[in-house]
C-alpha cells in the first residue's frame, strides 16, 4: 500500500506544474486517475476516482 502511495505521489508531482500554469491536468497511470482542477478553485486538492480528497503528507504515512 505504501509503495502504491509513493508511486501516486511521485506521479502527482509531475502534475503540480499544471497548478503553476493554472490549467487542468488529467494524469492516468496504473488505473489511478488524479485530476488537479484549478478552474474549480480546488488548488491543493485532488479528485481521485471522483472523490475529492485532501493532500496527504508523507509524514502521515510514516
N, C-alpha and C. Protein backbone atom coordinates (compact mmCIF):
# COMPACT_ATOMS: atom_id res chain seq x y z
N UNK A 1 0.82 -1.20 0.00
CA UNK A 1 0.00 0.00 0.00
C UNK A 1 0.87 1.26 0.00
N UNK A 2 1.89 1.25 0.86
CA UNK A 2 2.75 2.44 0.91
C UNK A 2 3.51 2.62 -0.40
N UNK A 3 3.92 1.49 -1.02
CA UNK A 3 4.61 1.58 -2.30
C UNK A 3 3.70 2.21 -3.36
N UNK A 4 2.43 1.80 -3.35
CA UNK A 4 1.47 2.38 -4.28
C UNK A 4 1.27 3.86 -3.99
N UNK A 5 1.17 4.20 -2.69
CA UNK A 5 1.01 5.60 -2.30
C UNK A 5 2.18 6.44 -2.80
N UNK A 6 3.41 5.96 -2.57
CA UNK A 6 4.58 6.70 -3.01
C UNK A 6 4.62 6.82 -4.53
N UNK A 7 4.15 5.80 -5.23
CA UNK A 7 4.11 5.84 -6.69
C UNK A 7 3.13 6.92 -7.15
N UNK A 8 1.97 6.99 -6.49
CA UNK A 8 0.97 8.00 -6.85
C UNK A 8 1.51 9.40 -6.56
N UNK A 9 2.16 9.56 -5.41
CA UNK A 9 2.70 10.87 -5.04
C UNK A 9 3.75 11.32 -6.04
N UNK A 10 4.68 10.42 -6.43
CA UNK A 10 5.71 10.80 -7.38
C UNK A 10 5.09 11.18 -8.72
N UNK A 11 4.04 10.47 -9.11
CA UNK A 11 3.35 10.80 -10.35
C UNK A 11 2.59 12.11 -10.20
N UNK A 12 2.06 12.35 -9.00
CA UNK A 12 1.31 13.57 -8.73
C UNK A 12 2.20 14.80 -8.87
N UNK A 13 3.44 14.69 -8.43
CA UNK A 13 4.35 15.83 -8.51
C UNK A 13 4.53 16.28 -9.96
N UNK A 14 4.46 15.34 -10.89
CA UNK A 14 4.58 15.72 -12.30
C UNK A 14 3.39 16.57 -12.74
N UNK A 15 2.27 16.43 -12.03
CA UNK A 15 1.07 17.17 -12.40
C UNK A 15 1.01 18.53 -11.73
N UNK A 16 1.81 18.75 -10.70
CA UNK A 16 1.72 20.00 -9.97
C UNK A 16 2.12 21.19 -10.83
N UNK A 17 2.91 20.95 -11.88
CA UNK A 17 3.26 22.03 -12.80
C UNK A 17 2.01 22.63 -13.41
N UNK A 18 0.97 21.81 -13.56
CA UNK A 18 -0.28 22.30 -14.13
C UNK A 18 -0.90 23.37 -13.23
N UNK A 19 -0.73 23.22 -11.91
CA UNK A 19 -1.25 24.24 -11.00
C UNK A 19 -0.48 25.54 -11.21
N UNK A 20 0.84 25.44 -11.37
CA UNK A 20 1.65 26.63 -11.61
C UNK A 20 1.23 27.31 -12.91
N UNK A 21 0.83 26.52 -13.89
CA UNK A 21 0.41 27.07 -15.18
C UNK A 21 -1.07 27.42 -15.19
N UNK A 22 -1.76 27.14 -14.05
CA UNK A 22 -3.18 27.45 -13.91
C UNK A 22 -4.02 26.76 -14.98
N UNK A 23 -3.77 25.46 -15.16
CA UNK A 23 -4.56 24.67 -16.10
C UNK A 23 -5.02 23.40 -15.40
N UNK A 24 -5.80 22.61 -16.09
CA UNK A 24 -6.28 21.35 -15.55
C UNK A 24 -5.42 20.22 -16.10
N UNK A 25 -4.93 19.36 -15.21
CA UNK A 25 -4.13 18.21 -15.64
C UNK A 25 -4.88 16.93 -15.30
N UNK A 26 -4.94 16.02 -16.24
CA UNK A 26 -5.53 14.71 -16.00
C UNK A 26 -4.41 13.69 -16.15
N UNK A 27 -4.08 13.01 -15.06
CA UNK A 27 -2.97 12.06 -15.05
C UNK A 27 -3.52 10.66 -14.88
N UNK A 28 -3.15 9.76 -15.77
CA UNK A 28 -3.66 8.39 -15.70
C UNK A 28 -2.48 7.43 -15.73
N UNK A 29 -2.34 6.63 -14.68
CA UNK A 29 -1.27 5.64 -14.63
C UNK A 29 -1.67 4.54 -13.67
N UNK A 30 -1.51 3.30 -14.09
CA UNK A 30 -1.81 2.13 -13.26
C UNK A 30 -3.22 2.20 -12.68
N UNK A 31 -4.18 2.59 -13.51
CA UNK A 31 -5.59 2.67 -13.09
C UNK A 31 -5.82 3.69 -11.98
N UNK A 32 -4.85 4.56 -11.72
CA UNK A 32 -5.03 5.61 -10.71
C UNK A 32 -5.23 6.93 -11.45
N UNK A 33 -6.42 7.49 -11.32
CA UNK A 33 -6.73 8.75 -12.00
C UNK A 33 -6.64 9.90 -11.01
N UNK A 34 -5.78 10.85 -11.28
CA UNK A 34 -5.63 12.02 -10.43
C UNK A 34 -5.94 13.26 -11.27
N UNK A 35 -6.95 13.99 -10.88
CA UNK A 35 -7.33 15.19 -11.60
C UNK A 35 -7.04 16.39 -10.71
N UNK A 36 -6.20 17.28 -11.19
CA UNK A 36 -5.94 18.52 -10.47
C UNK A 36 -6.63 19.63 -11.25
N UNK A 37 -7.66 20.21 -10.66
CA UNK A 37 -8.50 21.16 -11.38
C UNK A 37 -8.45 22.51 -10.70
N UNK A 38 -7.67 23.43 -11.27
CA UNK A 38 -7.58 24.77 -10.70
C UNK A 38 -8.73 25.65 -11.18
N UNK A 39 -9.41 25.22 -12.26
CA UNK A 39 -10.53 26.01 -12.76
C UNK A 39 -11.63 26.09 -11.72
N UNK A 40 -11.85 24.97 -10.98
CA UNK A 40 -12.87 24.94 -9.94
C UNK A 40 -12.36 25.53 -8.63
N UNK A 41 -11.09 25.96 -8.63
CA UNK A 41 -10.56 26.58 -7.43
C UNK A 41 -10.14 25.60 -6.36
N UNK A 42 -9.93 24.34 -6.73
CA UNK A 42 -9.55 23.33 -5.74
C UNK A 42 -8.03 23.17 -5.72
N UNK A 43 -7.30 24.28 -5.64
CA UNK A 43 -5.85 24.17 -5.59
C UNK A 43 -5.43 23.44 -4.33
N UNK A 44 -4.49 22.51 -4.49
CA UNK A 44 -4.01 21.74 -3.36
C UNK A 44 -4.87 20.55 -3.02
N UNK A 45 -5.94 20.34 -3.80
CA UNK A 45 -6.81 19.19 -3.57
C UNK A 45 -6.84 18.34 -4.83
N UNK A 46 -7.07 17.08 -4.66
CA UNK A 46 -7.12 16.15 -5.80
C UNK A 46 -8.46 15.45 -5.85
N UNK A 47 -8.87 15.11 -7.06
CA UNK A 47 -10.06 14.30 -7.22
C UNK A 47 -9.60 12.92 -7.67
N UNK A 48 -9.71 11.95 -6.77
CA UNK A 48 -9.27 10.59 -7.08
C UNK A 48 -10.50 9.71 -7.24
N UNK A 49 -10.69 9.19 -8.46
CA UNK A 49 -11.86 8.36 -8.76
C UNK A 49 -13.15 9.07 -8.39
N UNK A 50 -13.19 10.38 -8.64
CA UNK A 50 -14.41 11.15 -8.38
C UNK A 50 -14.55 11.62 -6.95
N UNK A 51 -13.66 11.21 -6.07
CA UNK A 51 -13.74 11.62 -4.67
C UNK A 51 -12.74 12.74 -4.43
N UNK A 52 -13.20 13.86 -3.91
CA UNK A 52 -12.32 14.98 -3.62
C UNK A 52 -11.64 14.72 -2.28
N UNK A 53 -10.32 14.63 -2.31
CA UNK A 53 -9.58 14.32 -1.09
C UNK A 53 -8.47 15.32 -0.87
N UNK A 54 -8.16 15.58 0.38
CA UNK A 54 -7.06 16.49 0.71
C UNK A 54 -5.73 15.78 0.44
N UNK A 55 -4.70 16.58 0.17
CA UNK A 55 -3.37 16.01 0.01
C UNK A 55 -2.93 15.41 1.34
N UNK A 56 -2.24 14.29 1.28
CA UNK A 56 -1.74 13.62 2.47
C UNK A 56 -0.22 13.69 2.46
N UNK A 57 0.34 14.29 3.49
CA UNK A 57 1.80 14.39 3.56
C UNK A 57 2.39 13.03 3.89
N UNK A 58 3.65 12.84 3.48
CA UNK A 58 4.30 11.55 3.72
C UNK A 58 4.46 11.27 5.20
N UNK A 59 4.55 12.34 6.03
CA UNK A 59 4.70 12.12 7.47
C UNK A 59 3.52 11.34 8.02
N UNK A 60 2.33 11.57 7.49
CA UNK A 60 1.15 10.88 7.99
C UNK A 60 1.19 9.39 7.66
N UNK A 61 2.05 9.00 6.70
CA UNK A 61 2.11 7.60 6.29
C UNK A 61 3.30 6.89 6.91
N UNK A 62 4.19 7.63 7.58
CA UNK A 62 5.37 7.02 8.20
C UNK A 62 5.04 6.44 9.56
